[in-house]
Amino acid sequence: MVKFLADENFNNQIIRGVLRQNPDVGIVRVQDVELSGVDDPTVLAWAAEEGRIVLTHDVATMITFAYQRIQAELPMPGLFEVSRRVPVGLAIEEILLIAECSLEGEWEGQVRFLPLR
């Protein structure tokens, strides 16, 4: 099962909902791994070292830094931007689908937007 890192401002309701439905999903928050307040490149580097896909609401900067990692041919296990307009229930379903149905490394070097449709 793929693992996730939720960035600092990611909606905790979504994280709780994912874990409530499947406690085996490997999802941690930036705050849980002592990365609070660090810049986006540092978050992405940590996620790459740990093989975790980043979940974010930050379309302004996080995506730019993810693409910079890809262009520099640095590891980037994937990034999913979840619009704040996406209903919490739909976001939970999409993350569960990704967690339960993805192959290891499937999202490497990709920036995607949820919902996937």
C-alpha atoms as a PDB file:
ATOM      1  CA  MET A   1       0.000   0.000   0.000  1.00  0.00           C
ATOM      2  CA  VAL A   2       1.296   3.480  -0.832  1.00  0.00           C
ATOM      3  CA  LYS A   3       2.120   5.914   1.970  1.00  0.00           C
ATOM      4  CA  PHE A   4       1.203   9.580   2.286  1.00  0.00           C
ATOM      5  CA  LEU A   5       2.476  12.776   3.875  1.00  0.00           C
ATOM      6  CA  ALA A   6      -0.158  15.457   4.427  1.00  0.00           C
ATOM      7  CA  ASP A   7       1.304  18.957   4.309  1.00  0.00           C
ATOM      8  CA  GLU A   8       0.887  21.425   7.131  1.00  0.00           C
ATOM      9  CA  ASN A   9      -2.419  22.960   6.086  1.00  0.00           C
ATOM     10  CA  PHE A  10      -4.106  19.790   4.852  1.00  0.00           C
ATOM     11  CA  ASN A  11      -7.653  19.307   6.156  1.00  0.00           C
ATOM     12  CA  ASN A  12      -7.466  17.082   9.248  1.00  0.00           C
ATOM     13  CA  GLN A  13     -11.092  15.989   8.716  1.00  0.00           C
ATOM     14  CA  ILE A  14      -9.954  14.246   5.554  1.00  0.00           C
ATOM     15  CA  ILE A  15      -7.070  12.522   7.325  1.00  0.00           C
ATOM     16  CA  ARG A  16      -9.301  11.369  10.190  1.00  0.00           C
ATOM     17  CA  GLY A  17     -11.913  10.125   7.723  1.00  0.00           C
ATOM     18  CA  VAL A  18      -9.344   8.115   5.762  1.00  0.00           C
ATOM     19  CA  LEU A  19      -7.978   6.512   8.927  1.00  0.00           C
ATOM     20  CA  ARG A  20     -11.469   5.876  10.307  1.00  0.00           C
ATOM     21  CA  GLN A  21     -12.379   3.895   7.202  1.00  0.00           C
ATOM     22  CA  ASN A  22      -9.031   2.127   6.882  1.00  0.00           C
ATOM     23  CA  PRO A  23      -6.622   2.419   9.816  1.00  0.00           C
ATOM     24  CA  ASP A  24      -3.946   0.598   7.793  1.00  0.00           C
ATOM     25  CA  VAL A  25      -3.439   3.534   5.405  1.00  0.00           C
ATOM     26  CA  GLY A  26       0.039   4.918   5.998  1.00  0.00           C
ATOM     27  CA  ILE A  27      -0.689   8.609   6.337  1.00  0.00           C
ATOM     28  CA  VAL A  28       1.231  11.050   8.518  1.00  0.00           C
ATOM     29  CA  ARG A  29       1.047  14.805   8.840  1.00  0.00           C
ATOM     30  CA  VAL A  30       3.983  17.195   8.559  1.00  0.00           C
ATOM     31  CA  GLN A  31       3.305  18.025  12.219  1.00  0.00           C
ATOM     32  CA  ASP A  32       3.681  14.338  13.198  1.00  0.00           C
ATOM     33  CA  VAL A  33       7.207  14.110  11.782  1.00  0.00           C
ATOM     34  CA  GLU A  34       8.500  17.407  13.176  1.00  0.00           C
ATOM     35  CA  LEU A  35       8.441  19.297   9.889  1.00  0.00           C
ATOM     36  CA  SER A  36       6.080  22.069  11.006  1.00  0.00           C
ATOM     37  CA  GLY A  37       7.086  25.426   9.603  1.00  0.00           C
ATOM     38  CA  VAL A  38       9.658  24.105   7.132  1.00  0.00           C
ATOM     39  CA  ASP A  39       9.596  25.189   3.498  1.00  0.00           C
ATOM     40  CA  ASP A  40       7.969  23.195   0.702  1.00  0.00           C
ATOM     41  CA  PRO A  41      11.237  21.909  -0.832  1.00  0.00           C
ATOM     42  CA  THR A  42      12.192  20.422   2.549  1.00  0.00           C
ATOM     43  CA  VAL A  43       8.775  18.742   2.855  1.00  0.00           C
ATOM     44  CA  LEU A  44       9.125  17.279  -0.637  1.00  0.00           C
ATOM     45  CA  ALA A  45      12.669  16.083   0.062  1.00  0.00           C
ATOM     46  CA  TRP A  46      11.555  14.338   3.267  1.00  0.00           C
ATOM     47  CA  ALA A  47       8.622  12.729   1.443  1.00  0.00           C
ATOM     48  CA  ALA A  48      10.992  11.482  -1.257  1.00  0.00           C
ATOM     49  CA  GLU A  49      13.391  10.014   1.311  1.00  0.00           C
ATOM     50  CA  GLU A  50      10.494   8.223   2.996  1.00  0.00           C
ATOM     51  CA  GLY A  51       8.731   7.212  -0.230  1.00  0.00           C
ATOM     52  CA  ARG A  52       5.559   9.107   0.661  1.00  0.00           C
ATOM     53  CA  ILE A  53       3.120  10.766  -1.724  1.00  0.00           C
ATOM     54  CA  VAL A  54       2.362  14.340  -0.663  1.00  0.00           C
ATOM     55  CA  LEU A  55      -1.221  15.472  -0.117  1.00  0.00           C
ATOM     56  CA  THR A  56      -1.726  19.227  -0.320  1.00  0.00           C
ATOM     57  CA  HIS A  57      -4.259  21.981  -0.800  1.00  0.00           C
ATOM     58  CA  ASP A  58      -1.444  24.363  -1.809  1.00  0.00           C
ATOM     59  CA  VAL A  59      -1.755  24.939  -5.534  1.00  0.00           C
ATOM     60  CA  ALA A  60       0.294  28.151  -5.346  1.00  0.00           C
ATOM     61  CA  THR A  61       3.752  26.914  -4.347  1.00  0.00           C
ATOM     62  CA  MET A  62       3.920  23.190  -3.561  1.00  0.00           C
ATOM     63  CA  ILE A  63       3.160  22.186  -7.147  1.00  0.00           C
ATOM     64  CA  THR A  64       5.893  24.479  -8.503  1.00  0.00           C
ATOM     65  CA  PHE A  65       8.483  22.913  -6.204  1.00  0.00           C
ATOM     66  CA  ALA A  66       7.283  19.400  -7.124  1.00  0.00           C
ATOM     67  CA  TYR A  67       7.777  20.158 -10.826  1.00  0.00           C
ATOM     68  CA  GLN A  68      11.230  21.576 -10.040  1.00  0.00           C
ATOM     69  CA  ARG A  69      12.170  18.265  -8.382  1.00  0.00           C
ATOM     70  CA  ILE A  70      10.927  16.360 -11.423  1.00  0.00           C
ATOM     71  CA  GLN A  71      12.888  18.595 -13.825  1.00  0.00           C
ATOM     72  CA  ALA A  72      16.022  18.197 -11.702  1.00  0.00           C
ATOM     73  CA  GLU A  73      15.500  14.415 -11.895  1.00  0.00           C
ATOM     74  CA  LEU A  74      15.219  14.169  -8.115  1.00  0.00           C
ATOM     75  CA  PRO A  75      12.983  11.521  -6.574  1.00  0.00           C
ATOM     76  CA  MET A  76       9.374  12.634  -6.186  1.00  0.00           C
ATOM     77  CA  PRO A  77       6.981   9.823  -5.173  1.00  0.00           C
ATOM     78  CA  GLY A  78       3.986  11.893  -6.277  1.00  0.00           C
ATOM     79  CA  LEU A  79       1.860  14.827  -5.252  1.00  0.00           C
ATOM     80  CA  PHE A  80      -1.912  15.092  -5.082  1.00  0.00           C
ATOM     81  CA  GLU A  81      -3.477  18.532  -4.904  1.00  0.00           C
ATOM     82  CA  VAL A  82      -6.901  18.342  -3.293  1.00  0.00           C
ATOM     83  CA  SER A  83      -8.974  21.430  -3.963  1.00  0.00           C
ATOM     84  CA  ARG A  84     -10.587  22.890  -0.857  1.00  0.00           C
ATOM     85  CA  ARG A  85     -13.820  22.883  -2.901  1.00  0.00           C
ATOM     86  CA  VAL A  86     -13.835  19.076  -3.087  1.00  0.00           C
ATOM     87  CA  PRO A  87     -16.320  17.701  -0.541  1.00  0.00           C
ATOM     88  CA  VAL A  88     -14.589  16.002   2.389  1.00  0.00           C
ATOM     89  CA  GLY A  89     -16.347  12.694   1.706  1.00  0.00           C
ATOM     90  CA  LEU A  90     -15.219  12.638  -1.923  1.00  0.00           C
ATOM     91  CA  ALA A  91     -11.630  13.475  -0.938  1.00  0.00           C
ATOM     92  CA  ILE A  92     -11.665  10.593   1.561  1.00  0.00           C
ATOM     93  CA  GLU A  93     -12.985   8.164  -1.080  1.00  0.00           C
ATOM     94  CA  GLU A  94     -10.358   9.242  -3.612  1.00  0.00           C
ATOM     95  CA  ILE A  95      -7.447   8.934  -1.173  1.00  0.00           C
ATOM     96  CA  LEU A  96      -8.674   5.508  -0.053  1.00  0.00           C
ATOM     97  CA  LEU A  97      -8.929   4.411  -3.678  1.00  0.00           C
ATOM     98  CA  ILE A  98      -5.370   5.562  -4.358  1.00  0.00           C
ATOM     99  CA  ALA A  99      -4.056   3.955  -1.160  1.00  0.00           C
ATOM    100  CA  GLU A 100      -5.750   0.625  -1.701  1.00  0.00           C
ATOM    101  CA  CYS A 101      -5.425   0.235  -5.477  1.00  0.00           C
ATOM    102  CA  SER A 102      -2.082   1.800  -6.395  1.00  0.00           C
ATOM    103  CA  LEU A 103       1.099  -0.076  -7.025  1.00  0.00           C
ATOM    104  CA  GLU A 104       4.296   0.985  -5.284  1.00  0.00           C
ATOM    105  CA  GLY A 105       5.958   3.694  -7.386  1.00  0.00           C
ATOM    106  CA  GLU A 106       2.931   4.168  -9.643  1.00  0.00           C
ATOM    107  CA  TRP A 107       2.732   7.914  -8.962  1.00  0.00           C
ATOM    108  CA  GLU A 108       6.490   8.609  -9.106  1.00  0.00           C
ATOM    109  CA  GLY A 109       7.211  11.949 -10.772  1.00  0.00           C
ATOM    110  CA  GLN A 110       3.535  12.862 -11.123  1.00  0.00           C
ATOM    111  CA  VAL A 111       1.463  15.804  -9.958  1.00  0.00           C
ATOM    112  CA  ARG A 112      -2.248  15.028  -9.965  1.00  0.00           C
ATOM    113  CA  PHE A 113      -5.412  16.794  -8.917  1.00  0.00           C
ATOM    114  CA  LEU A 114      -8.262  15.242  -6.948  1.00  0.00           C
ATOM    115  CA  PRO A 115     -10.804  14.194  -7.792  1.00  0.00           C
ATOM    116  CA  LEU A 116      -9.141  12.082 -10.488  1.00  0.00           C
ATOM    117  CA  ARG A 117     -12.166  12.178 -12.810  1.00  0.00           C
END
